[in-house]
Amino acid sequence: MKTTPEHNERIAKLTFASVYPHYITKVEKKGRTIEELHTVIEWLTGFDENKLKELIDEKVTFKTFFQRAKLNPNAHLITGVICGYRIEEIENTLTQQVRYLDKLVDELAKGRKMEKILRAG
């Protein structure tokens, strides 16, 4: 399934601050913690809690968010389907990175073990 240029543009313009509360709701509803969410986000992006707060306060778009991120070298190990798209087949780099984050949040909410989510070993 290919993403459209309009879809990619919409994702690029979304602010991280607008989506972040949904991530929190999703993981907490399933008994996971904000600390675990932050661990997952930091693993993928390199952003610690303070940097996340700055980016949220600054209302950065996902485009800026991922431009500033230091993507984990193992991010390519994040595979599967999210929102109807097979992550490893998404051609637009930014859209793929946002879907990496979505997939990690999903795995956290589904109760997957942290070492599996963080692609350890």
C-alpha atoms as a PDB file:
ATOM      1  CA  MET A   1       0.000   0.000   0.000  1.00  0.00           C
ATOM      2  CA  LYS A   2       1.582   3.268  -1.116  1.00  0.00           C
ATOM      3  CA  THR A   3       1.201   6.506   0.782  1.00  0.00           C
ATOM      4  CA  THR A   4       0.056   9.509  -1.238  1.00  0.00           C
ATOM      5  CA  PRO A   5       1.944  12.813  -1.368  1.00  0.00           C
ATOM      6  CA  GLU A   6      -1.037  14.412   0.435  1.00  0.00           C
ATOM      7  CA  HIS A   7      -0.854  11.797   3.200  1.00  0.00           C
ATOM      8  CA  ASN A   8       2.891  12.363   3.609  1.00  0.00           C
ATOM      9  CA  GLU A   9       2.400  16.140   3.710  1.00  0.00           C
ATOM     10  CA  ARG A  10      -0.353  15.845   6.332  1.00  0.00           C
ATOM     11  CA  ILE A  11       1.914  13.732   8.544  1.00  0.00           C
ATOM     12  CA  ALA A  12       4.837  16.161   8.105  1.00  0.00           C
ATOM     13  CA  LYS A  13       2.664  19.088   9.249  1.00  0.00           C
ATOM     14  CA  LEU A  14       1.157  17.339  12.283  1.00  0.00           C
ATOM     15  CA  THR A  15       2.647  18.606  15.524  1.00  0.00           C
ATOM     16  CA  PHE A  16       4.140  16.106  17.926  1.00  0.00           C
ATOM     17  CA  ALA A  17       2.353  17.987  20.740  1.00  0.00           C
ATOM     18  CA  SER A  18      -1.039  17.202  19.168  1.00  0.00           C
ATOM     19  CA  VAL A  19      -0.363  13.451  19.014  1.00  0.00           C
ATOM     20  CA  TYR A  20       1.592  12.971  22.251  1.00  0.00           C
ATOM     21  CA  PRO A  21      -1.496  13.081  24.557  1.00  0.00           C
ATOM     22  CA  HIS A  22      -3.028  10.272  22.463  1.00  0.00           C
ATOM     23  CA  TYR A  23       0.096   8.168  22.991  1.00  0.00           C
ATOM     24  CA  ILE A  24      -0.199   8.725  26.757  1.00  0.00           C
ATOM     25  CA  THR A  25      -3.904   7.809  26.788  1.00  0.00           C
ATOM     26  CA  LYS A  26      -3.288   4.703  24.703  1.00  0.00           C
ATOM     27  CA  VAL A  27      -0.517   3.278  26.898  1.00  0.00           C
ATOM     28  CA  GLU A  28      -2.073   4.250  30.252  1.00  0.00           C
ATOM     29  CA  LYS A  29      -5.410   2.717  29.263  1.00  0.00           C
ATOM     30  CA  LYS A  30      -3.540  -0.582  28.872  1.00  0.00           C
ATOM     31  CA  GLY A  31      -1.712  -0.322  32.200  1.00  0.00           C
ATOM     32  CA  ARG A  32       1.617   0.983  30.940  1.00  0.00           C
ATOM     33  CA  THR A  33       3.325   4.131  32.244  1.00  0.00           C
ATOM     34  CA  ILE A  34       4.420   7.489  30.858  1.00  0.00           C
ATOM     35  CA  GLU A  35       7.956   6.533  31.933  1.00  0.00           C
ATOM     36  CA  GLU A  36       7.775   3.454  29.683  1.00  0.00           C
ATOM     37  CA  LEU A  37       6.458   5.621  26.851  1.00  0.00           C
ATOM     38  CA  HIS A  38       9.376   8.018  27.328  1.00  0.00           C
ATOM     39  CA  THR A  39      11.818   5.079  27.316  1.00  0.00           C
ATOM     40  CA  VAL A  40      10.425   3.938  23.967  1.00  0.00           C
ATOM     41  CA  ILE A  41      10.517   7.461  22.478  1.00  0.00           C
ATOM     42  CA  GLU A  42      14.071   8.014  23.740  1.00  0.00           C
ATOM     43  CA  TRP A  43      15.203   4.672  22.286  1.00  0.00           C
ATOM     44  CA  LEU A  44      13.877   5.649  18.850  1.00  0.00           C
ATOM     45  CA  THR A  45      14.791   9.361  18.778  1.00  0.00           C
ATOM     46  CA  GLY A  46      17.449   9.999  21.397  1.00  0.00           C
ATOM     47  CA  PHE A  47      15.192  12.610  23.061  1.00  0.00           C
ATOM     48  CA  ASP A  48      15.150  12.489  26.858  1.00  0.00           C
ATOM     49  CA  GLU A  49      12.192  13.718  28.913  1.00  0.00           C
ATOM     50  CA  ASN A  50      13.481  17.319  29.080  1.00  0.00           C
ATOM     51  CA  LYS A  51      14.060  17.510  25.323  1.00  0.00           C
ATOM     52  CA  LEU A  52      10.571  16.054  24.705  1.00  0.00           C
ATOM     53  CA  LYS A  53       9.058  18.756  26.895  1.00  0.00           C
ATOM     54  CA  GLU A  54      10.960  21.432  24.935  1.00  0.00           C
ATOM     55  CA  LEU A  55       9.740  20.025  21.603  1.00  0.00           C
ATOM     56  CA  ILE A  56       6.157  19.861  22.883  1.00  0.00           C
ATOM     57  CA  ASP A  57       6.325  23.445  24.211  1.00  0.00           C
ATOM     58  CA  GLU A  58       7.802  24.554  20.887  1.00  0.00           C
ATOM     59  CA  LYS A  59       4.952  22.750  19.062  1.00  0.00           C
ATOM     60  CA  VAL A  60       7.313  21.266  16.481  1.00  0.00           C
ATOM     61  CA  THR A  61       5.918  19.392  13.505  1.00  0.00           C
ATOM     62  CA  PHE A  62       6.789  15.737  12.989  1.00  0.00           C
ATOM     63  CA  LYS A  63       9.077  16.923  10.179  1.00  0.00           C
ATOM     64  CA  THR A  64      11.117  19.043  12.610  1.00  0.00           C
ATOM     65  CA  PHE A  65      10.835  16.403  15.348  1.00  0.00           C
ATOM     66  CA  PHE A  66      12.488  13.739  13.198  1.00  0.00           C
ATOM     67  CA  GLN A  67      14.990  16.167  11.638  1.00  0.00           C
ATOM     68  CA  ARG A  68      16.297  16.808  15.148  1.00  0.00           C
ATOM     69  CA  ALA A  69      16.147  13.168  16.223  1.00  0.00           C
ATOM     70  CA  LYS A  70      19.119  10.839  16.246  1.00  0.00           C
ATOM     71  CA  LEU A  71      17.290   7.767  14.978  1.00  0.00           C
ATOM     72  CA  ASN A  72      18.286   4.504  16.634  1.00  0.00           C
ATOM     73  CA  PRO A  73      20.440   2.398  14.272  1.00  0.00           C
ATOM     74  CA  ASN A  74      18.107  -0.551  14.954  1.00  0.00           C
ATOM     75  CA  ALA A  75      14.961   1.341  13.931  1.00  0.00           C
ATOM     76  CA  HIS A  76      14.939  -0.612  10.665  1.00  0.00           C
ATOM     77  CA  LEU A  77      14.086  -3.709  12.737  1.00  0.00           C
ATOM     78  CA  ILE A  78      10.627  -2.220  13.403  1.00  0.00           C
ATOM     79  CA  THR A  79       8.388  -4.032  10.957  1.00  0.00           C
ATOM     80  CA  GLY A  80       4.755  -4.957  10.568  1.00  0.00           C
ATOM     81  CA  VAL A  81       1.530  -3.208   9.706  1.00  0.00           C
ATOM     82  CA  ILE A  82       0.345   0.050  11.219  1.00  0.00           C
ATOM     83  CA  CYS A  83      -2.662   2.043  10.024  1.00  0.00           C
ATOM     84  CA  GLY A  84      -2.958  -0.296   7.049  1.00  0.00           C
ATOM     85  CA  TYR A  85       0.615   0.277   5.859  1.00  0.00           C
ATOM     86  CA  ARG A  86       3.477  -2.237   5.981  1.00  0.00           C
ATOM     87  CA  ILE A  87       6.162  -0.139   7.688  1.00  0.00           C
ATOM     88  CA  GLU A  88       9.128  -1.609   5.840  1.00  0.00           C
ATOM     89  CA  GLU A  89       7.480  -0.774   2.476  1.00  0.00           C
ATOM     90  CA  ILE A  90       6.792   2.921   3.177  1.00  0.00           C
ATOM     91  CA  GLU A  91       8.959   4.883   0.752  1.00  0.00           C
ATOM     92  CA  ASN A  92       8.676   8.342   2.344  1.00  0.00           C
ATOM     93  CA  THR A  93      11.344   8.466   5.074  1.00  0.00           C
ATOM     94  CA  LEU A  94       9.458  10.817   7.394  1.00  0.00           C
ATOM     95  CA  THR A  95       6.194   8.891   7.133  1.00  0.00           C
ATOM     96  CA  GLN A  96       8.123   5.691   7.860  1.00  0.00           C
ATOM     97  CA  GLN A  97       9.751   7.252  10.950  1.00  0.00           C
ATOM     98  CA  VAL A  98       6.387   8.442  12.292  1.00  0.00           C
ATOM     99  CA  ARG A  99       4.997   4.935  11.735  1.00  0.00           C
ATOM    100  CA  TYR A 100       8.002   3.482  13.609  1.00  0.00           C
ATOM    101  CA  LEU A 101       6.948   5.573  16.593  1.00  0.00           C
ATOM    102  CA  ASP A 102       3.284   4.569  16.186  1.00  0.00           C
ATOM    103  CA  LYS A 103       4.277   0.900  16.059  1.00  0.00           C
ATOM    104  CA  LEU A 104       6.412   1.143  19.209  1.00  0.00           C
ATOM    105  CA  VAL A 105       3.548   2.841  21.079  1.00  0.00           C
ATOM    106  CA  ASP A 106       1.182   0.091  19.857  1.00  0.00           C
ATOM    107  CA  GLU A 107       3.544  -2.641  21.036  1.00  0.00           C
ATOM    108  CA  LEU A 108       3.850  -0.948  24.423  1.00  0.00           C
ATOM    109  CA  ALA A 109       0.064  -0.683  24.738  1.00  0.00           C
ATOM    110  CA  LYS A 110      -0.347  -4.327  23.742  1.00  0.00           C
ATOM    111  CA  GLY A 111       1.824  -5.393  26.672  1.00  0.00           C
ATOM    112  CA  ARG A 112       4.881  -6.479  24.727  1.00  0.00           C
ATOM    113  CA  LYS A 113       8.020  -6.884  26.840  1.00  0.00           C
ATOM    114  CA  MET A 114      10.250  -3.798  26.846  1.00  0.00           C
ATOM    115  CA  GLU A 115      13.347  -5.689  25.607  1.00  0.00           C
ATOM    116  CA  LYS A 116      11.342  -6.862  22.557  1.00  0.00           C
ATOM    117  CA  ILE A 117      10.013  -3.349  21.885  1.00  0.00           C
ATOM    118  CA  LEU A 118      13.552  -1.934  22.095  1.00  0.00           C
ATOM    119  CA  ARG A 119      14.820  -4.632  19.728  1.00  0.00           C
ATOM    120  CA  ALA A 120      17.427  -5.771  22.266  1.00  0.00           C
ATOM    121  CA  GLY A 121      19.615  -8.749  21.432  1.00  0.00           C
END
